[in-house]
């Protein structure tokens, strides 16, 4: 709070529960503290994005990435990141970067809900996890996609070193990801200079 003396409230930590808690306190006639621990919500508690809170037609008909088939939906199946890159808000602005995965049963439930909401067809998915790099988890959701809905064009975000290490150690996983529908991967190269990578605390070469 000392860093932001003019702010009514400063939310620290992941902040996922802060807005709910602030509204609850104000509704009960209390004044929230100036410094609020935002808290990291367990993925079982958060369950799914409440798609009734916004105009779903805007998302499904307007792919963030060109050429992604419609209807498109964004999903978040993991939160947090164990890295502390110097430039990243996840590492620097949040006190906690605990990595949390959504159980595979909830991923299956969310896919079924999207399938029903979108008229029986998911055109493409943007997997909007903070980071996608746990081989076992990735394999599980690929298998669910293939078993329940067939291949779906997928867009995911990965670290460059994970692509290299995973391709070398788990080539069968890459084959599975491609069968599930991978069409785009956003790779965080950041720099071709080792000096800059070290400065950014990328923990890679």
Protein backbone atom coordinates (compact mmCIF):
# COMPACT_ATOMS: atom_id res chain seq x y z
CA UNK A 1 0.00 0.00 0.00
CA UNK A 2 2.96 2.35 0.58
CA UNK A 3 3.79 2.07 -3.11
CA UNK A 4 0.30 3.35 -4.06
CA UNK A 5 -0.59 5.95 -1.41
CA UNK A 6 -3.53 7.43 -3.35
CA UNK A 7 -5.27 4.09 -3.94
CA UNK A 8 -8.35 3.18 -1.91
CA UNK A 9 -7.36 -0.48 -1.98
CA UNK A 10 -4.33 -2.43 -3.16
CA UNK A 11 -4.94 -6.06 -4.10
CA UNK A 12 -1.94 -8.32 -3.58
CA UNK A 13 -1.43 -11.94 -4.57
CA UNK A 14 -3.35 -13.47 -7.49
CA UNK A 15 -6.43 -11.32 -6.93
CA UNK A 16 -8.93 -13.88 -8.18
CA UNK A 17 -11.09 -13.76 -5.05
CA UNK A 18 -10.57 -10.09 -4.19
CA UNK A 19 -13.47 -8.50 -6.09
CA UNK A 20 -15.95 -10.97 -4.60
CA UNK A 21 -14.60 -10.39 -1.09
CA UNK A 22 -14.64 -6.59 -1.45
CA UNK A 23 -18.25 -6.57 -2.65
CA UNK A 24 -19.25 -8.90 0.21
CA UNK A 25 -17.61 -6.67 2.82
CA UNK A 26 -19.11 -3.45 1.44
CA UNK A 27 -22.53 -5.10 1.19
CA UNK A 28 -22.29 -6.03 4.86
CA UNK A 29 -21.49 -2.42 5.80
CA UNK A 30 -17.74 -2.90 6.37
CA UNK A 31 -14.84 -1.00 4.85
CA UNK A 32 -12.21 -3.31 3.32
CA UNK A 33 -8.61 -2.94 4.43
CA UNK A 34 -6.31 -0.82 2.29
CA UNK A 35 -4.14 -3.88 1.53
CA UNK A 36 -6.13 -6.93 0.44
CA UNK A 37 -4.79 -10.43 -0.05
CA UNK A 38 -6.38 -11.42 -3.34
CA UNK A 39 -5.92 -15.13 -2.90
CA UNK A 40 -5.51 -17.87 -5.47
CA UNK A 41 -8.72 -19.75 -6.17
CA UNK A 42 -8.52 -23.51 -6.48
CA UNK A 43 -9.44 -24.66 -9.98
CA UNK A 44 -12.15 -26.92 -8.54
CA UNK A 45 -13.74 -23.90 -6.87
CA UNK A 46 -13.46 -21.66 -9.93
CA UNK A 47 -14.78 -24.49 -12.14
CA UNK A 48 -15.65 -22.76 -15.42
CA UNK A 49 -15.82 -19.30 -16.92
CA UNK A 50 -19.35 -17.97 -16.47
CA UNK A 51 -20.26 -17.43 -20.10
CA UNK A 52 -23.61 -15.92 -19.15
CA UNK A 53 -21.78 -12.78 -18.00
CA UNK A 54 -20.90 -11.61 -21.51
CA UNK A 55 -22.11 -11.72 -25.09
CA UNK A 56 -20.85 -15.12 -26.19
CA UNK A 57 -21.62 -14.34 -29.84
CA UNK A 58 -18.82 -11.76 -29.93
CA UNK A 59 -16.20 -14.30 -28.85
CA UNK A 60 -17.36 -17.23 -30.93
CA UNK A 61 -17.67 -15.23 -34.14
CA UNK A 62 -14.48 -13.17 -33.82
CA UNK A 63 -11.38 -15.38 -33.59
CA UNK A 64 -8.49 -13.68 -31.81
CA UNK A 65 -6.15 -15.38 -34.25
CA UNK A 66 -6.83 -15.18 -38.00
CA UNK A 67 -8.04 -18.34 -39.72
CA UNK A 68 -9.22 -20.07 -36.54
CA UNK A 69 -12.53 -21.75 -37.41
CA UNK A 70 -15.69 -20.45 -35.77
CA UNK A 71 -17.31 -20.87 -33.36
CA UNK A 72 -14.20 -20.21 -31.26
CA UNK A 73 -14.08 -20.43 -27.47
CA UNK A 74 -11.33 -19.54 -25.01
CA UNK A 75 -10.68 -21.86 -22.07
CA UNK A 76 -8.36 -21.78 -19.05
CA UNK A 77 -7.33 -25.18 -17.75
CA UNK A 78 -4.38 -24.09 -15.59
CA UNK A 79 -3.40 -20.95 -13.69
CA UNK A 80 -0.09 -19.70 -12.40
CA UNK A 81 3.52 -20.15 -13.45
CA UNK A 82 6.63 -21.41 -11.60
CA UNK A 83 8.95 -19.05 -13.48
CA UNK A 84 9.77 -15.48 -12.51
CA UNK A 85 10.62 -13.72 -15.76
CA UNK A 86 11.50 -10.10 -15.07
CA UNK A 87 8.99 -8.61 -17.52
CA UNK A 88 5.94 -10.71 -16.66
CA UNK A 89 3.03 -9.55 -14.51
CA UNK A 90 2.32 -13.09 -13.36
CA UNK A 91 5.76 -13.25 -11.73
CA UNK A 92 6.35 -9.66 -10.64
CA UNK A 93 2.95 -8.27 -9.67
CA UNK A 94 1.63 -11.37 -7.94
CA UNK A 95 3.04 -12.67 -4.68
CA UNK A 96 1.94 -16.22 -5.51
CA UNK A 97 2.46 -18.05 -8.77
CA UNK A 98 1.33 -21.46 -7.57
CA UNK A 99 0.54 -23.63 -10.57
CA UNK A 100 -3.00 -25.03 -10.41
CA UNK A 101 -4.52 -27.48 -12.88
CA UNK A 102 -8.21 -28.04 -13.59
CA UNK A 103 -9.12 -31.71 -12.98
CA UNK A 104 -9.70 -33.64 -16.18
CA UNK A 105 -13.33 -34.30 -15.16
CA UNK A 106 -14.01 -30.54 -15.19
CA UNK A 107 -12.28 -30.13 -18.54
CA UNK A 108 -14.56 -32.79 -19.97
CA UNK A 109 -17.57 -31.07 -18.37
CA UNK A 110 -16.59 -27.70 -19.85
CA UNK A 111 -16.10 -29.17 -23.33
CA UNK A 112 -19.54 -30.77 -23.15
CA UNK A 113 -21.06 -27.44 -22.07
CA UNK A 114 -19.35 -25.58 -24.91
CA UNK A 115 -20.44 -28.23 -27.39
CA UNK A 116 -24.07 -27.74 -26.32
CA UNK A 117 -23.87 -23.93 -26.18
CA UNK A 118 -22.29 -23.67 -29.63
CA UNK A 119 -24.91 -25.69 -31.43
CA UNK A 120 -23.21 -29.07 -31.34
CA UNK A 121 -19.85 -28.03 -32.78
CA UNK A 122 -16.73 -26.42 -31.31
CA UNK A 123 -15.00 -24.73 -34.23
CA UNK A 124 -11.72 -24.07 -32.40
CA UNK A 125 -10.27 -23.54 -28.94
CA UNK A 126 -7.82 -20.99 -27.57
CA UNK A 127 -6.23 -22.63 -24.52
CA UNK A 128 -5.51 -19.52 -22.49
CA UNK A 129 -3.48 -21.07 -19.67
CA UNK A 130 -0.77 -18.91 -18.16
CA UNK A 131 1.60 -21.65 -19.28
CA UNK A 132 1.11 -25.04 -20.96
CA UNK A 133 3.97 -27.39 -20.20
CA UNK A 134 2.94 -30.34 -18.02
CA UNK A 135 3.14 -33.38 -20.35
CA UNK A 136 0.73 -35.60 -18.40
CA UNK A 137 -1.92 -32.87 -18.15
CA UNK A 138 -1.63 -31.96 -21.82
CA UNK A 139 -1.95 -35.62 -22.80
CA UNK A 140 -5.08 -36.00 -20.65
CA UNK A 141 -6.96 -33.12 -22.26
CA UNK A 142 -5.88 -34.19 -25.74
CA UNK A 143 -7.31 -37.65 -25.10
CA UNK A 144 -10.60 -36.17 -23.86
CA UNK A 145 -10.88 -33.98 -26.94
CA UNK A 146 -10.30 -36.93 -29.26
CA UNK A 147 -12.58 -39.28 -27.35
CA UNK A 148 -15.51 -36.87 -26.99
CA UNK A 149 -15.36 -34.45 -29.91
CA UNK A 150 -12.77 -35.55 -32.44
CA UNK A 151 -9.94 -33.19 -33.38
CA UNK A 152 -10.60 -29.51 -32.62
CA UNK A 153 -8.26 -26.81 -34.01
CA UNK A 154 -6.24 -25.71 -30.97
CA UNK A 155 -4.14 -22.68 -30.15
CA UNK A 156 -1.88 -22.87 -27.09
CA UNK A 157 0.97 -20.93 -25.47
CA UNK A 158 4.32 -22.55 -24.63
CA UNK A 159 7.87 -21.72 -23.60
CA UNK A 160 10.51 -22.31 -26.26
CA UNK A 161 12.63 -24.54 -24.02
CA UNK A 162 9.58 -26.71 -23.28
CA UNK A 163 9.01 -27.25 -26.99
CA UNK A 164 12.60 -28.44 -27.42
CA UNK A 165 12.78 -30.64 -24.31
CA UNK A 166 9.33 -32.11 -24.82
CA UNK A 167 9.97 -32.83 -28.49
CA UNK A 168 13.16 -34.66 -27.60
CA UNK A 169 11.75 -36.63 -24.67
CA UNK A 170 8.07 -37.02 -25.56
CA UNK A 171 7.70 -37.13 -29.34
CA UNK A 172 4.63 -39.30 -28.83
CA UNK A 173 3.06 -36.40 -26.93
CA UNK A 174 3.59 -34.03 -29.86
CA UNK A 175 1.95 -36.59 -32.13
CA UNK A 176 -1.00 -36.75 -29.73
CA UNK A 177 -1.29 -32.93 -29.58
CA UNK A 178 -1.32 -32.78 -33.36
CA UNK A 179 -3.98 -35.50 -33.59
CA UNK A 180 -6.09 -33.53 -31.10
CA UNK A 181 -5.97 -30.57 -33.48
CA UNK A 182 -3.00 -28.28 -32.71
CA UNK A 183 -2.82 -25.63 -35.43
CA UNK A 184 -1.10 -22.70 -33.67
CA UNK A 185 1.42 -22.37 -30.85
CA UNK A 186 2.48 -19.01 -29.42
CA UNK A 187 6.11 -19.50 -28.41
CA UNK A 188 7.85 -17.14 -25.98
CA UNK A 189 11.30 -16.74 -27.52
CA UNK A 190 11.77 -13.24 -25.99
CA UNK A 191 15.32 -12.75 -27.36
CA UNK A 192 18.12 -14.31 -29.40
CA UNK A 193 20.68 -12.81 -27.01
CA UNK A 194 21.81 -14.89 -24.04
CA UNK A 195 22.71 -11.70 -22.19
CA UNK A 196 19.12 -10.47 -22.54
CA UNK A 197 17.65 -13.88 -21.65
CA UNK A 198 19.72 -13.85 -18.46
CA UNK A 199 18.65 -10.27 -17.70
CA UNK A 200 15.00 -11.24 -18.23
CA UNK A 201 15.49 -14.24 -15.92
CA UNK A 202 14.13 -16.59 -18.57
CA UNK A 203 16.08 -19.58 -17.22
CA UNK A 204 16.74 -20.78 -20.74
CA UNK A 205 19.39 -20.57 -23.45
